[in-house]
Amino acid sequence: MTLDEVVRGARIRILDIPDQQARAQAIRFGISVGSEVVCIEKIFAGPIVLSRSKQEIAIGRQLAKRIQVELI
């Protein structure tokens, strides 16, 4: 499943970011393979807001479509 498919409130683990450019963008947001985050908001046709260690991060849909995740 990809990050753009998760539902609000889901706790997820990042499994893979296959695209090197997408991986670099995610690392800038503090997200890497193995990170555990919570989807706190999914804005219609907009970004997905994640929470990690008291930090909220908005990830654009195009980047979210390239990030592989699993529910935990």
N, C-alpha and C. Protein backbone atom coordinates (compact mmCIF):
# COMPACT_ATOMS: atom_id res chain seq x y z
N MET A 1 0.85 -1.16 0.00
CA MET A 1 0.00 0.00 0.00
C MET A 1 0.90 1.23 0.00
N THR A 2 0.41 2.31 -0.57
CA THR A 2 1.19 3.54 -0.60
C THR A 2 0.61 4.54 0.40
N LEU A 3 1.39 5.53 0.74
CA LEU A 3 1.01 6.50 1.76
C LEU A 3 -0.28 7.23 1.41
N ASP A 4 -0.53 7.48 0.15
CA ASP A 4 -1.76 8.21 -0.22
C ASP A 4 -3.02 7.37 -0.03
N GLU A 5 -2.89 6.06 0.23
CA GLU A 5 -4.04 5.18 0.42
C GLU A 5 -4.43 5.00 1.88
N VAL A 6 -3.65 5.49 2.82
CA VAL A 6 -3.96 5.29 4.23
C VAL A 6 -5.14 6.14 4.65
N VAL A 7 -5.80 5.73 5.72
CA VAL A 7 -6.94 6.48 6.24
C VAL A 7 -6.51 7.29 7.46
N ARG A 8 -7.28 8.31 7.74
CA ARG A 8 -7.01 9.17 8.88
C ARG A 8 -7.00 8.34 10.17
N GLY A 9 -6.00 8.56 11.00
CA GLY A 9 -5.87 7.85 12.27
C GLY A 9 -5.03 6.58 12.19
N ALA A 10 -4.63 6.19 11.01
CA ALA A 10 -3.85 4.95 10.84
C ALA A 10 -2.42 5.15 11.32
N ARG A 11 -1.91 4.14 12.01
CA ARG A 11 -0.50 4.12 12.44
C ARG A 11 0.23 3.27 11.40
N ILE A 12 1.29 3.83 10.83
CA ILE A 12 1.97 3.17 9.73
C ILE A 12 3.48 3.16 9.90
N ARG A 13 4.12 2.23 9.17
CA ARG A 13 5.58 2.15 9.12
C ARG A 13 5.99 2.32 7.67
N ILE A 14 7.01 3.12 7.44
CA ILE A 14 7.53 3.34 6.10
C ILE A 14 8.35 2.11 5.70
N LEU A 15 7.98 1.46 4.59
CA LEU A 15 8.68 0.26 4.13
C LEU A 15 9.71 0.56 3.06
N ASP A 16 9.35 1.40 2.12
CA ASP A 16 10.25 1.63 0.99
C ASP A 16 9.92 2.95 0.32
N ILE A 17 10.96 3.62 -0.09
CA ILE A 17 10.83 4.82 -0.91
C ILE A 17 11.73 4.56 -2.12
N PRO A 18 11.17 3.94 -3.17
CA PRO A 18 11.99 3.44 -4.26
C PRO A 18 12.69 4.52 -5.10
N ASP A 19 12.06 5.63 -5.27
CA ASP A 19 12.61 6.71 -6.09
C ASP A 19 13.64 7.50 -5.27
N GLN A 20 14.86 7.64 -5.79
CA GLN A 20 15.92 8.32 -5.06
C GLN A 20 15.56 9.78 -4.77
N GLN A 21 14.92 10.45 -5.71
CA GLN A 21 14.52 11.84 -5.49
C GLN A 21 13.45 11.92 -4.40
N ALA A 22 12.49 11.00 -4.42
CA ALA A 22 11.45 10.97 -3.40
C ALA A 22 12.06 10.67 -2.04
N ARG A 23 13.05 9.77 -1.98
CA ARG A 23 13.73 9.44 -0.73
C ARG A 23 14.42 10.67 -0.15
N ALA A 24 15.07 11.44 -1.00
CA ALA A 24 15.74 12.65 -0.54
C ALA A 24 14.73 13.66 0.00
N GLN A 25 13.58 13.80 -0.67
CA GLN A 25 12.55 14.71 -0.18
C GLN A 25 12.01 14.25 1.17
N ALA A 26 11.76 12.96 1.31
CA ALA A 26 11.23 12.43 2.56
C ALA A 26 12.21 12.61 3.71
N ILE A 27 13.49 12.38 3.44
CA ILE A 27 14.51 12.56 4.48
C ILE A 27 14.55 14.00 4.96
N ARG A 28 14.33 14.94 4.06
CA ARG A 28 14.28 16.35 4.46
C ARG A 28 13.15 16.61 5.45
N PHE A 29 12.08 15.80 5.35
CA PHE A 29 10.96 15.92 6.29
C PHE A 29 11.18 15.09 7.55
N GLY A 30 12.29 14.37 7.63
CA GLY A 30 12.57 13.55 8.80
C GLY A 30 11.95 12.17 8.73
N ILE A 31 11.60 11.73 7.54
CA ILE A 31 11.00 10.41 7.35
C ILE A 31 11.95 9.54 6.56
N SER A 32 12.20 8.34 7.05
CA SER A 32 13.05 7.40 6.33
C SER A 32 12.46 6.00 6.47
N VAL A 33 13.05 5.04 5.78
CA VAL A 33 12.57 3.65 5.86
C VAL A 33 12.66 3.19 7.31
N GLY A 34 11.56 2.61 7.80
CA GLY A 34 11.49 2.14 9.18
C GLY A 34 10.82 3.12 10.12
N SER A 35 10.62 4.36 9.70
CA SER A 35 9.96 5.35 10.55
C SER A 35 8.51 4.95 10.80
N GLU A 36 8.04 5.19 12.03
CA GLU A 36 6.64 4.95 12.37
C GLU A 36 5.96 6.29 12.56
N VAL A 37 4.84 6.48 11.86
CA VAL A 37 4.12 7.74 11.89
C VAL A 37 2.62 7.47 12.00
N VAL A 38 1.87 8.52 12.30
CA VAL A 38 0.41 8.44 12.37
C VAL A 38 -0.16 9.43 11.38
N CYS A 39 -1.13 9.00 10.59
CA CYS A 39 -1.82 9.89 9.66
C CYS A 39 -2.87 10.65 10.47
N ILE A 40 -2.66 11.94 10.66
CA ILE A 40 -3.61 12.71 11.47
C ILE A 40 -4.63 13.47 10.63
N GLU A 41 -4.34 13.63 9.35
CA GLU A 41 -5.29 14.32 8.47
C GLU A 41 -5.01 13.94 7.03
N LYS A 42 -6.06 13.81 6.27
CA LYS A 42 -5.95 13.51 4.85
C LYS A 42 -6.85 14.52 4.14
N ILE A 43 -6.25 15.55 3.62
CA ILE A 43 -7.01 16.65 3.02
C ILE A 43 -7.40 16.26 1.60
N PHE A 44 -8.69 16.40 1.29
CA PHE A 44 -9.21 16.02 -0.03
C PHE A 44 -8.43 16.75 -1.13
N ALA A 45 -7.87 15.97 -2.05
CA ALA A 45 -7.08 16.48 -3.17
C ALA A 45 -5.91 17.35 -2.71
N GLY A 46 -5.46 17.12 -1.49
CA GLY A 46 -4.35 17.90 -0.95
C GLY A 46 -3.36 17.00 -0.24
N PRO A 47 -2.58 17.58 0.65
CA PRO A 47 -1.54 16.80 1.33
C PRO A 47 -2.07 15.84 2.38
N ILE A 48 -1.20 14.95 2.79
CA ILE A 48 -1.46 14.03 3.88
C ILE A 48 -0.60 14.51 5.05
N VAL A 49 -1.24 14.72 6.19
CA VAL A 49 -0.53 15.25 7.36
C VAL A 49 -0.19 14.09 8.28
N LEU A 50 1.10 13.96 8.57
CA LEU A 50 1.61 12.89 9.43
C LEU A 50 2.13 13.48 10.73
N SER A 51 2.05 12.69 11.78
CA SER A 51 2.59 13.09 13.07
C SER A 51 3.69 12.11 13.45
N ARG A 52 4.81 12.67 13.88
CA ARG A 52 5.94 11.85 14.31
C ARG A 52 6.70 12.61 15.38
N SER A 53 6.79 12.05 16.57
CA SER A 53 7.54 12.66 17.67
C SER A 53 7.13 14.11 17.91
N LYS A 54 5.83 14.34 18.06
CA LYS A 54 5.28 15.67 18.34
C LYS A 54 5.52 16.68 17.22
N GLN A 55 5.82 16.18 16.03
CA GLN A 55 6.04 17.03 14.87
C GLN A 55 5.01 16.65 13.82
N GLU A 56 4.39 17.65 13.19
CA GLU A 56 3.44 17.39 12.12
C GLU A 56 4.09 17.73 10.78
N ILE A 57 3.92 16.82 9.82
CA ILE A 57 4.55 16.97 8.52
C ILE A 57 3.48 16.79 7.45
N ALA A 58 3.38 17.73 6.53
CA ALA A 58 2.44 17.62 5.41
C ALA A 58 3.20 17.09 4.20
N ILE A 59 2.73 15.97 3.66
CA ILE A 59 3.36 15.34 2.51
C ILE A 59 2.43 15.49 1.32
N GLY A 60 2.92 16.04 0.24
CA GLY A 60 2.12 16.20 -0.97
C GLY A 60 1.70 14.87 -1.55
N ARG A 61 0.59 14.86 -2.26
CA ARG A 61 0.05 13.62 -2.83
C ARG A 61 1.03 12.93 -3.79
N GLN A 62 1.71 13.70 -4.61
CA GLN A 62 2.62 13.08 -5.58
C GLN A 62 3.75 12.34 -4.88
N LEU A 63 4.28 12.91 -3.81
CA LEU A 63 5.32 12.22 -3.04
C LEU A 63 4.72 11.04 -2.30
N ALA A 64 3.53 11.20 -1.73
CA ALA A 64 2.87 10.13 -0.97
C ALA A 64 2.59 8.90 -1.84
N LYS A 65 2.32 9.10 -3.11
CA LYS A 65 2.05 7.98 -4.02
C LYS A 65 3.28 7.11 -4.26
N ARG A 66 4.45 7.62 -3.94
CA ARG A 66 5.69 6.88 -4.18
C ARG A 66 6.25 6.25 -2.91
N ILE A 67 5.61 6.42 -1.77
CA ILE A 67 6.11 5.90 -0.50
C ILE A 67 5.31 4.66 -0.11
N GLN A 68 5.99 3.52 0.01
CA GLN A 68 5.37 2.25 0.39
C GLN A 68 5.29 2.17 1.92
N VAL A 69 4.12 1.78 2.43
CA VAL A 69 3.91 1.71 3.89
C VAL A 69 3.17 0.43 4.26
N GLU A 70 3.16 0.14 5.56
CA GLU A 70 2.35 -0.96 6.10
C GLU A 70 1.66 -0.46 7.36
N LEU A 71 0.49 -1.00 7.63
CA LEU A 71 -0.23 -0.66 8.85
C LEU A 71 0.40 -1.39 10.02
N ILE A 72 0.47 -0.72 11.17
CA ILE A 72 0.98 -1.40 12.38
C ILE A 72 0.00 -1.25 13.51
